[in-house]
PDB file of N, CA and C in Angstrom:
ATOM      1  N   MET A   1       0.694  -1.041  -0.085  1.00  0.00           N
ATOM      2  CA  MET A   1       0.130  -0.066   0.325  1.00  0.00           C
ATOM      3  C   MET A   1       0.771   1.137  -0.120  1.00  0.00           C
ATOM      4  N   SER A   2       2.161   1.284   0.665  1.00  0.00           N
ATOM      5  CA  SER A   2       2.814   2.086   0.656  1.00  0.00           C
ATOM      6  C   SER A   2       3.232   2.698  -0.721  1.00  0.00           C
ATOM      7  N   ASP A   3       3.567   1.711  -1.543  1.00  0.00           N
ATOM      8  CA  ASP A   3       3.992   2.080  -2.821  1.00  0.00           C
ATOM      9  C   ASP A   3       3.216   2.736  -3.838  1.00  0.00           C
ATOM     10  N   LEU A   4       1.859   2.206  -3.558  1.00  0.00           N
ATOM     11  CA  LEU A   4       0.831   3.053  -4.371  1.00  0.00           C
ATOM     12  C   LEU A   4       0.595   4.412  -3.797  1.00  0.00           C
ATOM     13  N   SER A   5       0.536   4.570  -2.484  1.00  0.00           N
ATOM     14  CA  SER A   5       0.653   5.968  -1.764  1.00  0.00           C
ATOM     15  C   SER A   5       1.590   6.972  -2.295  1.00  0.00           C
ATOM     16  N   SER A   6       2.889   6.251  -2.510  1.00  0.00           N
ATOM     17  CA  SER A   6       3.976   6.733  -2.984  1.00  0.00           C
ATOM     18  C   SER A   6       3.865   7.168  -4.408  1.00  0.00           C
ATOM     19  N   GLU A   7       3.388   6.554  -5.023  1.00  0.00           N
ATOM     20  CA  GLU A   7       3.162   6.673  -6.483  1.00  0.00           C
ATOM     21  C   GLU A   7       2.202   7.908  -6.634  1.00  0.00           C
ATOM     22  N   ARG A   8       1.189   7.878  -5.850  1.00  0.00           N
ATOM     23  CA  ARG A   8      -0.023   8.639  -6.132  1.00  0.00           C
ATOM     24  C   ARG A   8       0.502  10.381  -5.690  1.00  0.00           C
ATOM     25  N   GLU A   9       1.266  10.325  -4.616  1.00  0.00           N
ATOM     26  CA  GLU A   9       2.036  11.511  -4.142  1.00  0.00           C
ATOM     27  C   GLU A   9       2.916  11.970  -5.107  1.00  0.00           C
ATOM     28  N   GLN A  10       3.524  11.129  -5.959  1.00  0.00           N
ATOM     29  CA  GLN A  10       4.562  11.406  -6.655  1.00  0.00           C
ATOM     30  C   GLN A  10       3.644  12.059  -8.227  1.00  0.00           C
ATOM     31  N   ALA A  11       2.703  11.253  -8.602  1.00  0.00           N
ATOM     32  CA  ALA A  11       1.724  11.896  -9.655  1.00  0.00           C
ATOM     33  C   ALA A  11       1.068  13.199  -9.219  1.00  0.00           C
ATOM     34  N   LEU A  12       0.736  13.624  -8.094  1.00  0.00           N
ATOM     35  CA  LEU A  12       0.259  14.711  -7.637  1.00  0.00           C
ATOM     36  C   LEU A  12       1.163  15.637  -7.691  1.00  0.00           C
ATOM     37  N   GLU A  13       2.387  15.436  -6.989  1.00  0.00           N
ATOM     38  CA  GLU A  13       3.449  16.434  -7.154  1.00  0.00           C
ATOM     39  C   GLU A  13       3.967  17.020  -8.600  1.00  0.00           C
ATOM     40  N   ALA A  14       4.009  15.919  -9.511  1.00  0.00           N
ATOM     41  CA  ALA A  14       4.264  16.130 -10.761  1.00  0.00           C
ATOM     42  C   ALA A  14       3.450  17.223 -11.420  1.00  0.00           C
ATOM     43  N   ARG A  15       1.727  16.518 -11.153  1.00  0.00           N
ATOM     44  CA  ARG A  15       0.794  17.525 -11.592  1.00  0.00           C
ATOM     45  C   ARG A  15       0.816  18.828 -11.178  1.00  0.00           C
ATOM     46  N   LEU A  16       1.230  19.206 -10.005  1.00  0.00           N
ATOM     47  CA  LEU A  16       1.084  20.581  -9.188  1.00  0.00           C
ATOM     48  C   LEU A  16       2.387  21.143  -9.770  1.00  0.00           C
ATOM     49  N   VAL A  17       3.601  20.561 -10.104  1.00  0.00           N
ATOM     50  CA  VAL A  17       4.557  21.300 -10.613  1.00  0.00           C
ATOM     51  C   VAL A  17       3.951  21.875 -12.018  1.00  0.00           C
ATOM     52  N   GLU A  18       3.360  20.699 -12.835  1.00  0.00           N
ATOM     53  CA  GLU A  18       3.126  21.185 -14.273  1.00  0.00           C
ATOM     54  C   GLU A  18       1.877  22.476 -14.165  1.00  0.00           C
ATOM     55  N   LEU A  19       1.289  22.491 -13.205  1.00  0.00           N
ATOM     56  CA  LEU A  19       0.330  23.625 -12.986  1.00  0.00           C
ATOM     57  C   LEU A  19       1.009  24.717 -12.701  1.00  0.00           C
ATOM     58  N   GLU A  20       2.045  24.867 -12.156  1.00  0.00           N
ATOM     59  CA  GLU A  20       2.823  25.849 -11.591  1.00  0.00           C
ATOM     60  C   GLU A  20       3.473  26.409 -12.612  1.00  0.00           C
ATOM     61  N   MET A  21       4.021  25.570 -13.400  1.00  0.00           N
ATOM     62  CA  MET A  21       4.898  25.997 -14.444  1.00  0.00           C
ATOM     63  C   MET A  21       3.835  26.931 -15.508  1.00  0.00           C
ATOM     64  N   ARG A  22       2.697  26.221 -15.909  1.00  0.00           N
ATOM     65  CA  ARG A  22       1.559  26.539 -16.759  1.00  0.00           C
ATOM     66  C   ARG A  22       1.200  28.397 -16.192  1.00  0.00           C
ATOM     67  N   VAL A  23       0.919  28.383 -14.946  1.00  0.00           N
ATOM     68  CA  VAL A  23       0.442  29.565 -14.128  1.00  0.00           C
ATOM     69  C   VAL A  23       1.566  30.802 -14.559  1.00  0.00           C
ATOM     70  N   SER A  24       2.813  30.007 -14.220  1.00  0.00           N
ATOM     71  CA  SER A  24       3.937  31.195 -14.326  1.00  0.00           C
ATOM     72  C   SER A  24       4.001  31.551 -15.824  1.00  0.00           C
ATOM     73  N   PHE A  25       4.028  30.562 -16.802  1.00  0.00           N
ATOM     74  CA  PHE A  25       3.911  31.049 -18.269  1.00  0.00           C
ATOM     75  C   PHE A  25       2.757  31.945 -18.465  1.00  0.00           C
ATOM     76  N   GLN A  26       1.629  31.637 -18.110  1.00  0.00           N
ATOM     77  CA  GLN A  26       0.509  32.638 -18.287  1.00  0.00           C
ATOM     78  C   GLN A  26       0.853  34.099 -17.653  1.00  0.00           C
ATOM     79  N   GLU A  27       1.444  34.228 -16.491  1.00  0.00           N
ATOM     80  CA  GLU A  27       1.683  35.385 -15.975  1.00  0.00           C
ATOM     81  C   GLU A  27       2.642  36.127 -16.970  1.00  0.00           C
ATOM     82  N   HIS A  28       3.562  35.248 -17.178  1.00  0.00           N
ATOM     83  CA  HIS A  28       4.558  35.963 -18.212  1.00  0.00           C
ATOM     84  C   HIS A  28       3.755  36.520 -19.440  1.00  0.00           C
ATOM     85  N   ALA A  29       3.083  35.667 -19.837  1.00  0.00           N
ATOM     86  CA  ALA A  29       2.562  35.976 -21.019  1.00  0.00           C
ATOM     87  C   ALA A  29       1.479  37.460 -20.986  1.00  0.00           C
ATOM     88  N   LEU A  30       0.504  37.515 -19.908  1.00  0.00           N
ATOM     89  CA  LEU A  30      -0.108  38.302 -19.509  1.00  0.00           C
ATOM     90  C   LEU A  30       0.666  39.795 -19.452  1.00  0.00           C
ATOM     91  N   ALA A  31       2.067  39.710 -18.757  1.00  0.00           N
ATOM     92  CA  ALA A  31       2.680  40.784 -18.518  1.00  0.00           C
ATOM     93  C   ALA A  31       2.985  41.405 -19.874  1.00  0.00           C
ATOM     94  N   GLU A  32       3.464  40.302 -20.680  1.00  0.00           N
ATOM     95  CA  GLU A  32       3.891  40.839 -22.145  1.00  0.00           C
ATOM     96  C   GLU A  32       2.873  41.327 -22.951  1.00  0.00           C
ATOM     97  N   LEU A  33       1.634  40.842 -22.821  1.00  0.00           N
ATOM     98  CA  LEU A  33       0.439  41.465 -23.437  1.00  0.00           C
ATOM     99  C   LEU A  33       0.070  42.748 -22.955  1.00  0.00           C
ATOM    100  N   SER A  34       0.189  42.993 -21.666  1.00  0.00           N
ATOM    101  CA  SER A  34       0.045  44.402 -20.965  1.00  0.00           C
ATOM    102  C   SER A  34       0.771  45.235 -21.539  1.00  0.00           C
ATOM    103  N   ASP A  35       2.109  45.052 -21.585  1.00  0.00           N
ATOM    104  CA  ASP A  35       3.040  46.054 -21.977  1.00  0.00           C
ATOM    105  C   ASP A  35       2.777  46.477 -23.525  1.00  0.00           C
ATOM    106  N   ALA A  36       2.485  45.227 -24.421  1.00  0.00           N
ATOM    107  CA  ALA A  36       2.159  45.718 -25.718  1.00  0.00           C
ATOM    108  C   ALA A  36       0.806  46.371 -25.908  1.00  0.00           C
ATOM    109  N   LEU A  37      -0.184  46.390 -24.831  1.00  0.00           N
ATOM    110  CA  LEU A  37      -1.036  47.269 -25.055  1.00  0.00           C
ATOM    111  C   LEU A  37      -0.920  48.444 -24.643  1.00  0.00           C
ATOM    112  N   ALA A  38      -0.170  48.666 -23.562  1.00  0.00           N
ATOM    113  CA  ALA A  38       0.197  50.157 -23.243  1.00  0.00           C
ATOM    114  C   ALA A  38       0.956  50.563 -24.340  1.00  0.00           C
ATOM    115  N   ASP A  39       1.940  50.014 -24.917  1.00  0.00           N
ATOM    116  CA  ASP A  39       2.727  50.743 -26.136  1.00  0.00           C
ATOM    117  C   ASP A  39       1.735  50.824 -27.214  1.00  0.00           C
ATOM    118  N   ALA A  40       0.769  50.221 -27.436  1.00  0.00           N
ATOM    119  CA  ALA A  40       0.064  50.331 -28.615  1.00  0.00           C
ATOM    120  C   ALA A  40      -1.130  51.529 -28.137  1.00  0.00           C
ATOM    121  N   ARG A  41      -1.701  51.653 -26.891  1.00  0.00           N
ATOM    122  CA  ARG A  41      -2.348  52.806 -26.739  1.00  0.00           C
ATOM    123  C   ARG A  41      -1.720  54.158 -26.764  1.00  0.00           C
ATOM    124  N   MET A  42      -0.364  53.954 -26.395  1.00  0.00           N
ATOM    125  CA  MET A  42       0.595  55.379 -26.347  1.00  0.00           C
ATOM    126  C   MET A  42       0.892  55.834 -27.977  1.00  0.00           C
ATOM    127  N   GLN A  43       0.979  54.720 -28.687  1.00  0.00           N
ATOM    128  CA  GLN A  43       1.054  54.915 -30.281  1.00  0.00           C
ATOM    129  C   GLN A  43      -0.091  55.583 -30.662  1.00  0.00           C
ATOM    130  N   GLY A  44      -1.383  55.033 -30.297  1.00  0.00           N
ATOM    131  CA  GLY A  44      -2.563  55.544 -30.834  1.00  0.00           C
ATOM    132  C   GLY A  44      -2.553  57.139 -30.463  1.00  0.00           C
ATOM    133  N   SER A  45      -2.102  57.378 -29.120  1.00  0.00           N
ATOM    134  CA  SER A  45      -2.303  58.861 -28.589  1.00  0.00           C
ATOM    135  C   SER A  45      -1.619  59.563 -29.441  1.00  0.00           C
ATOM    136  N   ARG A  46      -0.201  59.132 -29.727  1.00  0.00           N
ATOM    137  CA  ARG A  46       0.387  60.025 -30.467  1.00  0.00           C
ATOM    138  C   ARG A  46      -0.020  59.942 -32.075  1.00  0.00           C
ATOM    139  N   ASN A  47      -0.692  58.844 -32.538  1.00  0.00           N
ATOM    140  CA  ASN A  47      -1.300  59.173 -33.887  1.00  0.00           C
ATOM    141  C   ASN A  47      -2.227  60.276 -33.588  1.00  0.00           C
ATOM    142  N   ALA A  48      -3.162  60.180 -32.723  1.00  0.00           N
ATOM    143  CA  ALA A  48      -4.369  60.902 -32.867  1.00  0.00           C
ATOM    144  C   ALA A  48      -3.713  62.444 -32.576  1.00  0.00           C
ATOM    145  N   ASP A  49      -2.898  62.810 -31.796  1.00  0.00           N
ATOM    146  CA  ASP A  49      -2.243  64.058 -31.927  1.00  0.00           C
ATOM    147  C   ASP A  49      -1.600  64.687 -33.070  1.00  0.00           C
ATOM    148  N   VAL A  50      -0.889  63.506 -33.902  1.00  0.00           N
ATOM    149  CA  VAL A  50      -0.499  64.257 -35.311  1.00  0.00           C
ATOM    150  C   VAL A  50      -1.605  64.391 -35.965  1.00  0.00           C
ATOM    151  N   LEU A  51      -2.609  63.532 -35.918  1.00  0.00           N
ATOM    152  CA  LEU A  51      -3.711  63.511 -37.035  1.00  0.00           C
ATOM    153  C   LEU A  51      -4.471  64.898 -36.715  1.00  0.00           C
ATOM    154  N   ARG A  52      -4.509  65.322 -35.442  1.00  0.00           N
ATOM    155  CA  ARG A  52      -5.320  66.648 -35.076  1.00  0.00           C
ATOM    156  C   ARG A  52      -4.271  67.713 -35.752  1.00  0.00           C
ATOM    157  N   VAL A  53      -3.183  67.959 -35.384  1.00  0.00           N
ATOM    158  CA  VAL A  53      -2.268  68.915 -36.094  1.00  0.00           C
ATOM    159  C   VAL A  53      -2.316  69.000 -37.621  1.00  0.00           C
ATOM    160  N   LEU A  54      -2.411  67.950 -38.122  1.00  0.00           N
ATOM    161  CA  LEU A  54      -2.643  67.889 -39.753  1.00  0.00           C
ATOM    162  C   LEU A  54      -3.785  68.483 -40.304  1.00  0.00           C
ATOM    163  N   LEU A  55      -4.783  68.083 -39.328  1.00  0.00           N
ATOM    164  CA  LEU A  55      -6.228  68.515 -39.854  1.00  0.00           C
ATOM    165  C   LEU A  55      -6.422  69.805 -39.553  1.00  0.00           C
ATOM    166  N   GLU A  56      -5.722  70.502 -38.423  1.00  0.00           N
ATOM    167  CA  GLU A  56      -5.462  71.938 -38.359  1.00  0.00           C
ATOM    168  C   GLU A  56      -4.935  72.713 -39.272  1.00  0.00           C
ATOM    169  N   ASP A  57      -3.533  72.124 -39.904  1.00  0.00           N
ATOM    170  CA  ASP A  57      -2.967  72.654 -40.983  1.00  0.00           C
ATOM    171  C   ASP A  57      -3.654  72.677 -42.128  1.00  0.00           C
ATOM    172  N   LEU A  58      -4.165  71.477 -42.434  1.00  0.00           N
ATOM    173  CA  LEU A  58      -5.181  71.425 -43.634  1.00  0.00           C
ATOM    174  C   LEU A  58      -6.528  72.511 -43.614  1.00  0.00           C
ATOM    175  N   GLY A  59      -6.834  72.425 -42.478  1.00  0.00           N
ATOM    176  CA  GLY A  59      -7.963  73.588 -42.523  1.00  0.00           C
ATOM    177  C   GLY A  59      -7.507  74.997 -42.680  1.00  0.00           C
ATOM    178  N   LYS A  60      -6.259  75.187 -42.084  1.00  0.00           N
ATOM    179  CA  LYS A  60      -5.664  76.563 -42.384  1.00  0.00           C
ATOM    180  C   LYS A  60      -5.418  76.931 -44.085  1.00  0.00           C
ATOM    181  N   VAL A  61      -4.806  75.701 -44.604  1.00  0.00           N
ATOM    182  CA  VAL A  61      -4.472  75.700 -46.066  1.00  0.00           C
ATOM    183  C   VAL A  61      -5.776  76.017 -47.104  1.00  0.00           C
ATOM    184  N   ARG A  62      -6.634  75.375 -46.361  1.00  0.00           N
ATOM    185  CA  ARG A  62      -7.968  75.506 -47.059  1.00  0.00           C
ATOM    186  C   ARG A  62      -8.385  76.870 -47.107  1.00  0.00           C
ATOM    187  N   ASN A  63      -8.710  77.184 -45.723  1.00  0.00           N
ATOM    188  CA  ASN A  63      -9.035  78.642 -45.531  1.00  0.00           C
ATOM    189  C   ASN A  63      -8.320  79.899 -46.286  1.00  0.00           C
ATOM    190  N   ALA A  64      -6.797  79.450 -46.516  1.00  0.00           N
ATOM    191  CA  ALA A  64      -5.918  80.340 -47.094  1.00  0.00           C
ATOM    192  C   ALA A  64      -6.324  80.246 -48.794  1.00  0.00           C
ATOM    193  N   LEU A  65      -6.620  79.270 -49.040  1.00  0.00           N
ATOM    194  CA  LEU A  65      -6.827  79.061 -50.614  1.00  0.00           C
ATOM    195  C   LEU A  65      -8.433  79.566 -50.996  1.00  0.00           C
ATOM    196  N   HIS A  66      -9.403  79.406 -49.764  1.00  0.00           N
ATOM    197  CA  HIS A  66     -10.751  80.057 -50.268  1.00  0.00           C
ATOM    198  C   HIS A  66     -10.646  81.415 -49.874  1.00  0.00           C
ATOM    199  N   SER A  67     -10.028  81.839 -49.250  1.00  0.00           N
ATOM    200  CA  SER A  67     -10.038  83.286 -48.921  1.00  0.00           C
ATOM    201  C   SER A  67      -9.171  84.353 -50.067  1.00  0.00           C
ATOM    202  N   SER A  68      -8.412  83.636 -50.711  1.00  0.00           N
ATOM    203  CA  SER A  68      -7.798  84.413 -51.753  1.00  0.00           C
ATOM    204  C   SER A  68      -8.568  84.622 -52.822  1.00  0.00           C
ATOM    205  N   ASP A  69      -8.525  86.165 -53.245  1.00  0.00           N
ATOM    206  CA  ASP A  69      -9.250  86.454 -54.249  1.00  0.00           C
ATOM    207  C   ASP A  69      -8.441  86.590 -55.591  1.00  0.00           C
ATOM    208  N   PRO A  70      -8.872  85.760 -56.625  1.00  0.00           N
ATOM    209  CA  PRO A  70      -8.190  85.620 -57.797  1.00  0.00           C
ATOM    210  C   PRO A  70      -7.874  87.000 -58.506  1.00  0.00           C
ATOM    211  N   ALA A  71      -8.734  87.934 -58.341  1.00  0.00           N
ATOM    212  CA  ALA A  71      -8.554  89.301 -58.945  1.00  0.00           C
ATOM    213  C   ALA A  71      -7.412  90.211 -58.584  1.00  0.00           C
ATOM    214  N   SER A  72      -7.191  89.704 -57.302  1.00  0.00           N
ATOM    215  CA  SER A  72      -5.908  90.545 -56.515  1.00  0.00           C
ATOM    216  C   SER A  72      -4.813  89.913 -56.917  1.00  0.00           C
ATOM    217  N   GLU A  73      -4.726  88.867 -57.291  1.00  0.00           N
ATOM    218  CA  GLU A  73      -3.098  88.033 -57.591  1.00  0.00           C
ATOM    219  C   GLU A  73      -2.740  88.846 -58.890  1.00  0.00           C
ATOM    220  N   PRO A  74      -1.576  89.075 -59.233  1.00  0.00           N
ATOM    221  CA  PRO A  74      -0.989  89.512 -60.374  1.00  0.00           C
ATOM    222  C   PRO A  74      -1.022  88.661 -61.228  1.00  0.00           C
ATOM    223  N   PRO A  75      -0.957  89.054 -62.528  1.00  0.00           N
ATOM    224  CA  PRO A  75      -1.232  88.286 -63.639  1.00  0.00           C
ATOM    225  C   PRO A  75       0.178  87.366 -63.933  1.00  0.00           C
ATOM    226  N   PRO A  76      -0.384  86.321 -64.535  1.00  0.00           N
ATOM    227  CA  PRO A  76       0.857  85.441 -64.895  1.00  0.00           C
ATOM    228  C   PRO A  76       1.947  86.122 -65.837  1.00  0.00           C
ATOM    229  N   PRO A  77       3.105  85.559 -65.686  1.00  0.00           N
ATOM    230  CA  PRO A  77       4.332  86.374 -66.367  1.00  0.00           C
ATOM    231  C   PRO A  77       4.193  86.331 -68.103  1.00  0.00           C
ATOM    232  N   HIS A  78       3.355  85.397 -68.549  1.00  0.00           N
ATOM    233  CA  HIS A  78       3.219  85.498 -69.936  1.00  0.00           C
ATOM    234  C   HIS A  78       1.983  86.532 -70.368  1.00  0.00           C
ATOM    235  N   TYR A  79       1.566  87.325 -69.571  1.00  0.00           N
ATOM    236  CA  TYR A  79       0.866  88.396 -69.991  1.00  0.00           C
ATOM    237  C   TYR A  79       1.335  89.622 -70.253  1.00  0.00           C
TER     238      TYR A  79
END
């Protein structure tokens, strides 16, 4: 009976070690995913800032183009 008990304990210990390794791997994977998500959010924020500035600049260019009166411009050199 002692051999059966010892085998059972060894099997349980091996299973426990395997489960601990899986948990450790999952914790590591979660930490990596968390870091990647934080990086992606920061990049998204930077992209949003760049897009906002570009849209503001585009609006300024459009306003400058629409507000200029073609009659007030000098004629082209070939006239």
